[in-house]
Amino acid sequence: MITTEVLVLGCGWAGITTAYYLLDKGIDVMCIDASTALGGLLRSETHDGFIFDVGGSHIIFSSNEPVLREMLSFLNNNVVTHQRRSFIWLMGTFIPYPLENNLHILPLELRVEVLVSLFESLLQLSREHGLRPSNLREYIIYTFGKEMAKLYLEPYNQKIWKRPLDSIDIDWLSIPGRLPLANWKDIVKSCVGLPTIGYREQATFHYPLSGGIQALYNSVLKKAVAKGLKLVKGVKIKGVKRCRDVWVVNDAFKAKKIISTIPLREIVNLMDAPEDIVKLAERLDYNSVAVIGIALKRKAPNMHWVYVPDEDVVFHRYAWVSNYSPHNVPNPKRHSSLLVEITLSPRDKVLLEPEKLTEKTLNGLKDLGIISESEKEVLFTKVWTHKYGYPVHTFQTNKAREHILKFLSDYGITAVG
């Protein structure tokens, strides 16, 4: 039986960074991952000279300067810096993102409606002392006003969550950067045509110059291995049990401490957990994500990514990842690449039909005028699906998650990621 001080279950980004910082403190660490191709949602693949980030469009940014410096230090000089050029496809045109900072592009009458509805929400909050949003729909309306909610934020979030927005809790909004906050002064300036910059911490972002987003993961992995990380690849975790003062995994690995980065639904089923905890784990809701990579024989437009709230288009976002780095394609003057993201309910059977996902994606891109009807510029496509894409924070799941995390903590397992 192989013995270690700390055993990390899962070796994606959360797992490898946890291992790295523990090793930095002189702690003996082993990482186990079911895949032989490491990287998790930060994995990149190369096909015919095109590099695709299989977990979707990922960039490097943070409002925390020390954290940002640390991430960039891992890459050394293998980094390129961009000023964000992202858009929202709305009313048949590309409006720069965030919408609230670019309202001057909208027709005058609509701008007035947006501004009036925002101040109606602000007045309601000021008059009704103690009034606070209790769900995501109320949060959007109170923060941005009914008109902006109806125009963009409600339809877009509906595509992301696949649930009624009034069933989504808002505790996750306390995490900095998860949803950009509106500044009413910026909205007023935007309505009258004065330029403002929204979501400032993301306005400048970074990306690996070569190797795709996995270059960030690989740089930490290399440093962790140099510090003595013991790495086990291609081993699926089948059982986790407590034997006196040690943990035993798969009857093959023994550790004093376990840190789990695998989904809570999965770790609970791997343990001899009480029936009530198992039932709570079944309540944890999530959405799956499909990522479609498209190689094109044409130059990319001057864009990074585009949000698509249109309910008739299957995807919610697409990204010109060839603009993230010129090394993501064979020749940036003649080639480009797209990553298209589709949120799916776990009950959606289309998750199991890559051909149908590709067909719906290409049809959506045609509808937006991104590719031609003949698809003659499409060289090839790839599809990757991820069962656990987004945790869905409903009121029911939040209580279940709290109980499960407490159970794991009391049992001696730390859950991260």
Protein backbone atom coordinates (compact mmCIF):
# COMPACT_ATOMS: atom_id res chain seq x y z
CA MET A 1 0.00 0.00 0.00
CA ILE A 2 1.37 3.42 -1.01
CA THR A 3 1.51 5.90 1.89
CA THR A 4 1.49 9.70 1.88
CA GLU A 5 0.78 12.50 4.33
CA VAL A 6 -1.89 14.25 2.22
CA LEU A 7 -3.85 12.63 -0.59
CA VAL A 8 -5.53 15.01 -3.06
CA LEU A 9 -8.45 13.50 -4.96
CA GLY A 10 -8.63 15.01 -8.44
CA CYS A 11 -5.78 16.79 -10.17
CA GLY A 12 -7.44 19.60 -12.09
CA TRP A 13 -6.68 23.26 -11.35
CA ALA A 14 -7.96 23.11 -7.76
CA GLY A 15 -6.07 19.88 -7.11
CA ILE A 16 -2.72 20.89 -8.56
CA THR A 17 -2.65 24.32 -6.92
CA THR A 18 -3.62 22.80 -3.56
CA ALA A 19 -0.81 20.27 -3.93
CA TYR A 20 1.69 22.95 -4.97
CA TYR A 21 1.10 25.16 -1.93
CA LEU A 22 1.15 22.20 0.47
CA LEU A 23 4.45 21.03 -1.03
CA ASP A 24 5.75 24.57 -0.58
CA LYS A 25 5.23 24.05 3.17
CA GLY A 26 7.22 20.82 3.14
CA ILE A 27 4.19 18.51 3.29
CA ASP A 28 4.29 15.13 1.54
CA VAL A 29 1.53 15.13 -1.12
CA MET A 30 0.08 12.69 -3.63
CA CYS A 31 -2.50 13.52 -6.34
CA ILE A 32 -4.80 10.93 -7.89
CA ASP A 33 -6.73 11.60 -11.10
CA ALA A 34 -8.99 9.34 -13.15
CA SER A 35 -7.70 10.74 -16.44
CA THR A 36 -4.37 10.08 -18.08
CA ALA A 37 -4.63 13.51 -19.75
CA LEU A 38 -4.32 15.96 -16.87
CA GLY A 39 -5.68 19.50 -16.75
CA GLY A 40 -9.37 19.12 -15.96
CA LEU A 41 -11.31 22.08 -17.35
CA LEU A 42 -7.98 23.79 -18.15
CA ARG A 43 -6.98 21.06 -20.59
CA SER A 44 -6.06 22.01 -24.16
CA GLU A 45 -5.87 19.81 -27.24
CA THR A 46 -4.07 20.33 -30.55
CA HIS A 47 -5.66 19.19 -33.81
CA ASP A 48 -3.99 19.90 -37.17
CA GLY A 49 -2.18 22.90 -35.69
CA PHE A 50 -5.29 24.34 -33.98
CA ILE A 51 -5.22 24.56 -30.17
CA PHE A 52 -8.58 24.30 -28.40
CA ASP A 53 -9.25 24.81 -24.69
CA VAL A 54 -11.65 21.93 -24.16
CA GLY A 55 -13.22 23.39 -21.00
CA GLY A 56 -14.37 26.50 -22.86
CA SER A 57 -13.04 30.04 -23.06
CA HIS A 58 -10.72 30.70 -20.10
CA ILE A 59 -8.69 33.85 -19.51
CA ILE A 60 -6.50 35.08 -16.66
CA PHE A 61 -7.61 38.12 -14.64
CA SER A 62 -8.25 39.12 -11.04
CA SER A 63 -9.08 42.19 -8.99
CA ASN A 64 -6.62 40.83 -6.41
CA GLU A 65 -3.23 42.09 -7.60
CA PRO A 66 -1.09 39.66 -5.54
CA VAL A 67 -3.12 36.71 -6.86
CA LEU A 68 -2.82 37.98 -10.45
CA ARG A 69 0.95 38.45 -10.10
CA GLU A 70 1.27 34.94 -8.71
CA MET A 71 -0.65 33.39 -11.62
CA LEU A 72 1.37 35.31 -14.20
CA SER A 73 4.63 34.39 -12.47
CA PHE A 74 3.89 30.72 -13.15
CA LEU A 75 3.90 31.48 -16.88
CA ASN A 76 7.18 33.45 -16.76
CA ASN A 77 7.26 35.24 -20.13
CA ASN A 78 4.86 32.87 -21.87
CA VAL A 79 2.00 35.35 -21.70
CA VAL A 80 0.17 37.82 -23.90
CA THR A 81 -1.91 40.73 -22.56
CA HIS A 82 -5.10 42.04 -24.16
CA GLN A 83 -7.55 44.88 -23.76
CA ARG A 84 -10.93 43.20 -23.73
CA ARG A 85 -12.97 43.33 -26.95
CA SER A 86 -16.13 41.49 -26.01
CA PHE A 87 -19.68 42.05 -27.23
CA ILE A 88 -23.33 41.16 -26.76
CA TRP A 89 -25.37 40.14 -29.80
CA LEU A 90 -28.49 42.21 -29.29
CA MET A 91 -31.16 43.60 -31.60
CA GLY A 92 -29.23 42.38 -34.63
CA THR A 93 -25.96 44.11 -33.79
CA PHE A 94 -22.83 43.73 -31.67
CA ILE A 95 -22.97 45.95 -28.59
CA PRO A 96 -19.75 46.23 -26.57
CA TYR A 97 -19.81 44.46 -23.21
CA PRO A 98 -20.84 45.29 -20.50
CA LEU A 99 -24.18 46.53 -21.78
CA GLU A 100 -24.69 49.05 -18.97
CA ASN A 101 -21.52 50.88 -20.06
CA ASN A 102 -22.50 51.03 -23.73
CA LEU A 103 -26.17 52.02 -23.68
CA HIS A 104 -25.51 54.97 -26.01
CA ILE A 105 -25.59 52.49 -28.90
CA LEU A 106 -29.26 51.70 -28.23
CA PRO A 107 -32.08 53.79 -29.76
CA LEU A 108 -32.83 56.94 -27.73
CA GLU A 109 -36.33 55.84 -26.68
CA LEU A 110 -35.01 52.52 -25.36
CA ARG A 111 -32.20 54.31 -23.48
CA VAL A 112 -34.80 56.44 -21.72
CA GLU A 113 -36.82 53.35 -20.78
CA VAL A 114 -33.70 51.67 -19.39
CA LEU A 115 -32.80 54.73 -17.33
CA VAL A 116 -36.32 55.25 -16.00
CA SER A 117 -36.69 51.60 -14.96
CA LEU A 118 -33.31 51.68 -13.21
CA PHE A 119 -34.30 54.70 -11.13
CA GLU A 120 -37.68 53.13 -10.37
CA SER A 121 -35.82 50.17 -8.86
CA LEU A 122 -33.44 52.43 -6.93
CA LEU A 123 -36.36 54.49 -5.60
CA GLN A 124 -38.18 51.35 -4.52
CA LEU A 125 -35.12 50.17 -2.61
CA SER A 126 -34.73 53.55 -0.91
CA ARG A 127 -38.42 53.86 0.02
CA GLU A 128 -38.89 50.33 1.32
CA HIS A 129 -36.26 50.23 4.04
CA GLY A 130 -34.78 46.76 4.42
CA LEU A 131 -36.00 45.55 1.02
CA ARG A 132 -33.47 43.12 -0.39
CA PRO A 133 -33.56 40.76 -3.36
CA SER A 134 -34.32 37.17 -2.37
CA ASN A 135 -33.54 35.44 -5.67
CA LEU A 136 -31.58 35.99 -8.87
CA ARG A 137 -34.47 37.52 -10.82
CA GLU A 138 -35.13 40.11 -8.10
CA TYR A 139 -31.40 40.83 -7.84
CA ILE A 140 -31.16 41.55 -11.57
CA ILE A 141 -34.21 43.84 -11.53
CA TYR A 142 -33.19 45.73 -8.37
CA THR A 143 -29.64 46.18 -9.65
CA PHE A 144 -30.20 46.97 -13.32
CA GLY A 145 -33.89 47.84 -13.67
CA LYS A 146 -36.70 45.97 -15.43
CA GLU A 147 -35.86 47.14 -18.96
CA MET A 148 -32.22 46.03 -18.95
CA ALA A 149 -33.30 42.81 -17.25
CA LYS A 150 -35.86 42.13 -19.98
CA LEU A 151 -33.53 43.19 -22.79
CA TYR A 152 -30.47 41.12 -21.88
CA LEU A 153 -29.88 39.83 -18.36
CA GLU A 154 -32.98 37.68 -17.90
CA PRO A 155 -32.83 35.86 -21.26
CA TYR A 156 -29.07 35.35 -20.97
CA ASN A 157 -29.23 34.00 -17.42
CA GLN A 158 -32.15 31.80 -18.39
CA LYS A 159 -29.88 30.16 -20.98
CA ILE A 160 -27.16 29.65 -18.36
CA TRP A 161 -29.26 28.29 -15.51
CA LYS A 162 -32.06 26.43 -17.33
CA ARG A 163 -34.26 27.05 -14.28
CA PRO A 164 -36.76 29.77 -13.31
CA LEU A 165 -34.58 32.66 -12.14
CA ASP A 166 -36.73 33.16 -9.05
CA SER A 167 -35.65 29.66 -7.94
CA ILE A 168 -31.95 30.59 -8.00
CA ASP A 169 -30.43 31.72 -4.70
CA ILE A 170 -28.02 34.67 -4.68
CA ASP A 171 -25.52 33.63 -2.01
CA TRP A 172 -22.91 32.95 -4.71
CA LEU A 173 -23.05 36.61 -5.75
CA SER A 174 -21.04 37.43 -2.63
CA ILE A 175 -18.03 35.89 -4.41
CA PRO A 176 -16.15 38.86 -5.94
CA GLY A 177 -16.35 39.01 -9.72
CA ARG A 178 -19.04 36.36 -10.22
CA LEU A 179 -21.48 38.93 -11.60
CA PRO A 180 -20.43 42.48 -12.49
CA LEU A 181 -22.19 45.10 -10.37
CA ALA A 182 -23.83 48.09 -12.04
CA ASN A 183 -22.83 51.64 -11.15
CA TRP A 184 -25.83 53.92 -11.65
CA LYS A 185 -23.58 56.90 -12.39
CA ASP A 186 -21.89 54.94 -15.19
CA ILE A 187 -25.31 53.98 -16.56
CA VAL A 188 -26.39 57.62 -16.71
CA LYS A 189 -23.14 58.59 -18.44
CA SER A 190 -23.54 55.70 -20.87
CA CYS A 191 -27.09 56.77 -21.76
CA VAL A 192 -25.94 60.26 -22.74
CA GLY A 193 -22.94 59.00 -24.69
CA LEU A 194 -20.07 59.51 -22.24
CA PRO A 195 -17.62 56.57 -22.41
CA THR A 196 -17.16 54.41 -19.31
CA ILE A 197 -15.42 51.10 -18.62
CA GLY A 198 -17.28 48.34 -16.81
CA TYR A 199 -16.02 45.18 -15.09
CA ARG A 200 -12.62 46.84 -14.87
CA GLU A 201 -10.74 43.88 -13.40
CA GLN A 202 -11.48 41.97 -16.61
CA ALA A 203 -10.96 44.89 -19.02
CA THR A 204 -7.31 43.87 -19.21
CA PHE A 205 -6.76 40.13 -19.33
CA HIS A 206 -3.95 37.69 -19.96
CA TYR A 207 -3.51 34.37 -21.73
CA PRO A 208 -0.61 32.00 -22.42
CA LEU A 209 1.28 32.92 -25.58
CA SER A 210 1.79 29.27 -26.48
CA GLY A 211 0.24 26.01 -25.36
CA GLY A 212 -3.34 27.19 -24.80
CA ILE A 213 -4.76 27.68 -21.32
CA GLN A 214 -3.20 24.36 -20.30
CA ALA A 215 0.17 26.11 -20.31
CA LEU A 216 -0.90 27.72 -17.02
CA TYR A 217 -1.82 24.33 -15.56
CA ASN A 218 1.36 22.68 -16.88
CA SER A 219 3.57 25.37 -15.37
CA VAL A 220 2.18 24.68 -11.89
CA LEU A 221 2.29 20.92 -12.45
CA LYS A 222 5.97 21.10 -13.42
CA LYS A 223 6.84 23.11 -10.31
CA ALA A 224 4.82 20.75 -8.09
CA VAL A 225 6.57 17.68 -9.50
CA ALA A 226 9.94 19.39 -8.97
CA LYS A 227 8.96 19.89 -5.31
CA GLY A 228 8.29 16.16 -4.94
CA LEU A 229 4.63 15.68 -5.91
CA LYS A 230 3.67 12.02 -6.26
CA LEU A 231 1.31 11.76 -9.21
CA VAL A 232 -1.06 8.89 -9.99
CA LYS A 233 -2.84 9.15 -13.37
CA GLY A 234 -5.55 7.03 -14.91
CA VAL A 235 -6.83 5.65 -11.61
CA LYS A 236 -10.53 6.03 -10.90
CA ILE A 237 -11.40 6.43 -7.24
CA LYS A 238 -13.73 3.60 -6.24
CA GLY A 239 -13.77 3.79 -2.47
CA VAL A 240 -12.75 6.08 0.40
CA LYS A 241 -12.81 4.77 3.96
CA ARG A 242 -11.51 5.67 7.39
CA CYS A 243 -9.36 3.08 9.17
CA ARG A 244 -8.61 4.30 12.69
CA ASP A 245 -6.41 7.38 12.26
CA VAL A 246 -5.70 7.04 8.52
CA TRP A 247 -7.60 7.17 5.24
CA VAL A 248 -7.56 4.35 2.71
CA VAL A 249 -8.47 4.89 -0.95
CA ASN A 250 -9.11 1.98 -3.34
CA ASP A 251 -7.46 -0.30 -0.74
CA ALA A 252 -4.20 0.83 -2.35
CA PHE A 253 -3.38 4.31 -1.02
CA LYS A 254 -3.07 5.38 2.61
CA ALA A 255 -2.97 8.97 3.91
CA LYS A 256 -3.28 10.95 7.13
CA LYS A 257 -5.36 13.62 5.42
CA ILE A 258 -7.64 13.77 2.37
CA ILE A 259 -8.45 16.85 0.31
CA SER A 260 -11.18 16.28 -2.26
CA THR A 261 -11.63 18.39 -5.39
CA ILE A 262 -14.13 16.03 -7.01
CA PRO A 263 -17.84 16.94 -7.13
CA LEU A 264 -19.65 16.62 -3.80
CA ARG A 265 -22.20 14.27 -5.36
CA GLU A 266 -19.36 11.91 -6.25
CA ILE A 267 -17.30 11.96 -3.04
CA VAL A 268 -20.35 11.18 -0.90
CA ASN A 269 -21.11 8.11 -3.02
CA LEU A 270 -17.54 6.88 -2.60
CA MET A 271 -17.78 6.85 1.19
CA ASP A 272 -19.78 4.88 3.68
CA ALA A 273 -21.93 7.96 4.21
CA PRO A 274 -25.20 7.90 6.17
CA GLU A 275 -28.38 7.60 4.12
CA ASP A 276 -29.49 11.15 4.93
CA ILE A 277 -26.22 12.55 3.53
CA VAL A 278 -26.54 10.43 0.39
CA LYS A 279 -30.07 11.78 -0.15
CA LEU A 280 -28.85 15.34 0.39
CA ALA A 281 -26.16 14.78 -2.25
CA GLU A 282 -28.86 13.77 -4.71
CA ARG A 283 -30.40 17.22 -4.27
CA LEU A 284 -27.26 19.01 -5.43
CA ASP A 285 -28.22 20.49 -8.77
CA TYR A 286 -25.94 21.24 -11.69
CA ASN A 287 -25.85 21.97 -15.39
CA SER A 288 -23.65 20.32 -17.97
CA VAL A 289 -21.62 22.16 -20.59
CA ALA A 290 -20.85 21.27 -24.18
CA VAL A 291 -17.89 22.97 -25.86
CA ILE A 292 -17.66 22.94 -29.64
CA GLY A 293 -14.35 23.80 -31.27
CA ILE A 294 -14.47 25.04 -34.86
CA ALA A 295 -11.45 25.44 -37.14
CA LEU A 296 -11.94 28.02 -39.90
CA LYS A 297 -9.99 28.94 -43.03
CA ARG A 298 -10.53 32.68 -42.66
CA LYS A 299 -9.14 35.49 -40.54
CA ALA A 300 -10.92 36.29 -37.26
CA PRO A 301 -12.73 39.61 -36.72
CA ASN A 302 -11.39 42.00 -34.10
CA MET A 303 -13.24 40.35 -31.20
CA HIS A 304 -12.50 38.15 -28.22
CA TRP A 305 -15.87 36.73 -27.16
CA VAL A 306 -19.59 37.38 -27.69
CA TYR A 307 -22.59 36.77 -25.40
CA VAL A 308 -25.77 35.59 -27.12
CA PRO A 309 -29.01 36.01 -25.11
CA ASP A 310 -31.22 35.09 -28.11
CA GLU A 311 -33.35 32.12 -27.02
CA ASP A 312 -33.53 30.83 -30.60
CA VAL A 313 -29.75 30.28 -30.70
CA VAL A 314 -28.58 27.18 -28.82
CA PHE A 315 -25.29 28.58 -27.48
CA HIS A 316 -24.89 31.33 -24.91
CA ARG A 317 -21.35 32.43 -25.81
CA TYR A 318 -18.70 32.00 -28.46
CA ALA A 319 -15.06 33.06 -28.39
CA TRP A 320 -12.50 33.78 -31.09
CA VAL A 321 -9.69 31.96 -29.27
CA SER A 322 -7.38 32.53 -32.22
CA ASN A 323 -7.36 36.16 -31.03
CA TYR A 324 -6.27 35.09 -27.54
CA SER A 325 -2.95 33.97 -29.00
CA PRO A 326 -1.72 33.81 -32.61
CA HIS A 327 -0.20 30.41 -31.76
CA ASN A 328 -3.68 28.90 -31.31
CA VAL A 329 -3.94 28.48 -35.11
CA PRO A 330 -1.48 27.43 -37.85
CA ASN A 331 -1.51 30.85 -39.54
CA PRO A 332 -3.50 33.75 -38.00
CA LYS A 333 -3.57 35.54 -41.36
CA ARG A 334 -5.41 32.65 -42.98
CA HIS A 335 -6.96 30.70 -40.10
CA SER A 336 -9.12 31.32 -37.05
CA SER A 337 -10.81 29.23 -34.40
CA LEU A 338 -13.98 29.41 -32.36
CA LEU A 339 -14.96 27.92 -29.03
CA VAL A 340 -18.73 27.78 -28.66
CA GLU A 341 -20.34 27.03 -25.28
CA ILE A 342 -23.75 25.45 -24.69
CA THR A 343 -25.30 25.00 -21.26
CA LEU A 344 -27.39 21.86 -20.91
CA SER A 345 -29.63 20.49 -18.24
CA PRO A 346 -28.35 17.07 -17.08
CA ARG A 347 -31.73 15.76 -18.20
CA ASP A 348 -31.13 16.97 -21.76
CA LYS A 349 -30.47 13.91 -23.94
CA VAL A 350 -28.76 16.02 -26.61
CA LEU A 351 -25.69 15.84 -24.34
CA LEU A 352 -25.20 12.34 -25.69
CA GLU A 353 -25.49 13.39 -29.34
CA PRO A 354 -22.37 15.32 -30.48
CA GLU A 355 -23.57 15.41 -34.09
CA LYS A 356 -26.80 17.16 -33.09
CA LEU A 357 -24.88 19.65 -30.91
CA THR A 358 -22.59 20.46 -33.83
CA GLU A 359 -25.52 20.87 -36.23
CA LYS A 360 -27.35 23.22 -33.84
CA THR A 361 -24.15 25.21 -33.28
CA LEU A 362 -23.40 25.67 -36.98
CA ASN A 363 -27.01 26.67 -37.64
CA GLY A 364 -26.80 29.26 -34.87
CA LEU A 365 -23.58 30.68 -36.30
CA LYS A 366 -25.23 30.93 -39.71
CA ASP A 367 -28.20 32.76 -38.21
CA LEU A 368 -25.82 35.31 -36.71
CA GLY A 369 -23.88 35.65 -39.96
CA ILE A 370 -20.67 34.30 -38.42
CA ILE A 371 -20.25 31.56 -41.01
CA SER A 372 -21.70 31.21 -44.50
CA GLU A 373 -24.69 29.04 -45.38
CA SER A 374 -22.40 26.71 -47.34
CA GLU A 375 -20.03 26.28 -44.35
CA LYS A 376 -17.20 26.34 -46.91
CA GLU A 377 -14.84 28.04 -44.43
CA VAL A 378 -15.29 25.30 -41.81
CA LEU A 379 -12.28 22.96 -41.81
CA PHE A 380 -13.42 20.68 -38.98
CA THR A 381 -15.26 20.64 -35.66
CA LYS A 382 -14.69 18.96 -32.28
CA VAL A 383 -17.09 18.44 -29.37
CA TRP A 384 -16.29 18.06 -25.67
CA THR A 385 -18.96 17.56 -23.02
CA HIS A 386 -18.55 18.09 -19.28
CA LYS A 387 -21.11 16.57 -16.94
CA TYR A 388 -20.42 19.02 -14.13
CA GLY A 389 -20.29 22.44 -15.77
CA TYR A 390 -22.10 24.85 -13.44
CA PRO A 391 -23.34 24.19 -9.90
CA VAL A 392 -26.92 25.47 -9.74
CA HIS A 393 -27.55 27.38 -6.53
CA THR A 394 -31.20 26.76 -5.75
CA PHE A 395 -32.54 27.26 -2.23
CA GLN A 396 -32.85 23.52 -1.79
CA THR A 397 -29.32 22.73 -2.95
CA ASN A 398 -27.68 25.39 -0.78
CA LYS A 399 -28.99 23.80 2.43
CA ALA A 400 -27.95 20.37 1.19
CA ARG A 401 -24.45 21.60 0.35
CA GLU A 402 -24.00 23.15 3.79
CA HIS A 403 -24.92 19.87 5.52
CA ILE A 404 -22.64 17.83 3.25
CA LEU A 405 -19.65 20.14 3.74
CA LYS A 406 -20.14 19.97 7.50
CA PHE A 407 -20.36 16.17 7.36
CA LEU A 408 -17.14 15.95 5.34
CA SER A 409 -15.36 18.39 7.64
CA ASP A 410 -16.47 16.53 10.76
CA TYR A 411 -15.38 13.31 9.10
CA GLY A 412 -11.95 14.79 8.36
CA ILE A 413 -12.18 15.50 4.63
CA THR A 414 -11.52 18.99 3.27
CA ALA A 415 -13.49 19.80 0.10
CA VAL A 416 -12.14 22.49 -2.24
CA GLY A 417 -12.67 23.57 -5.84
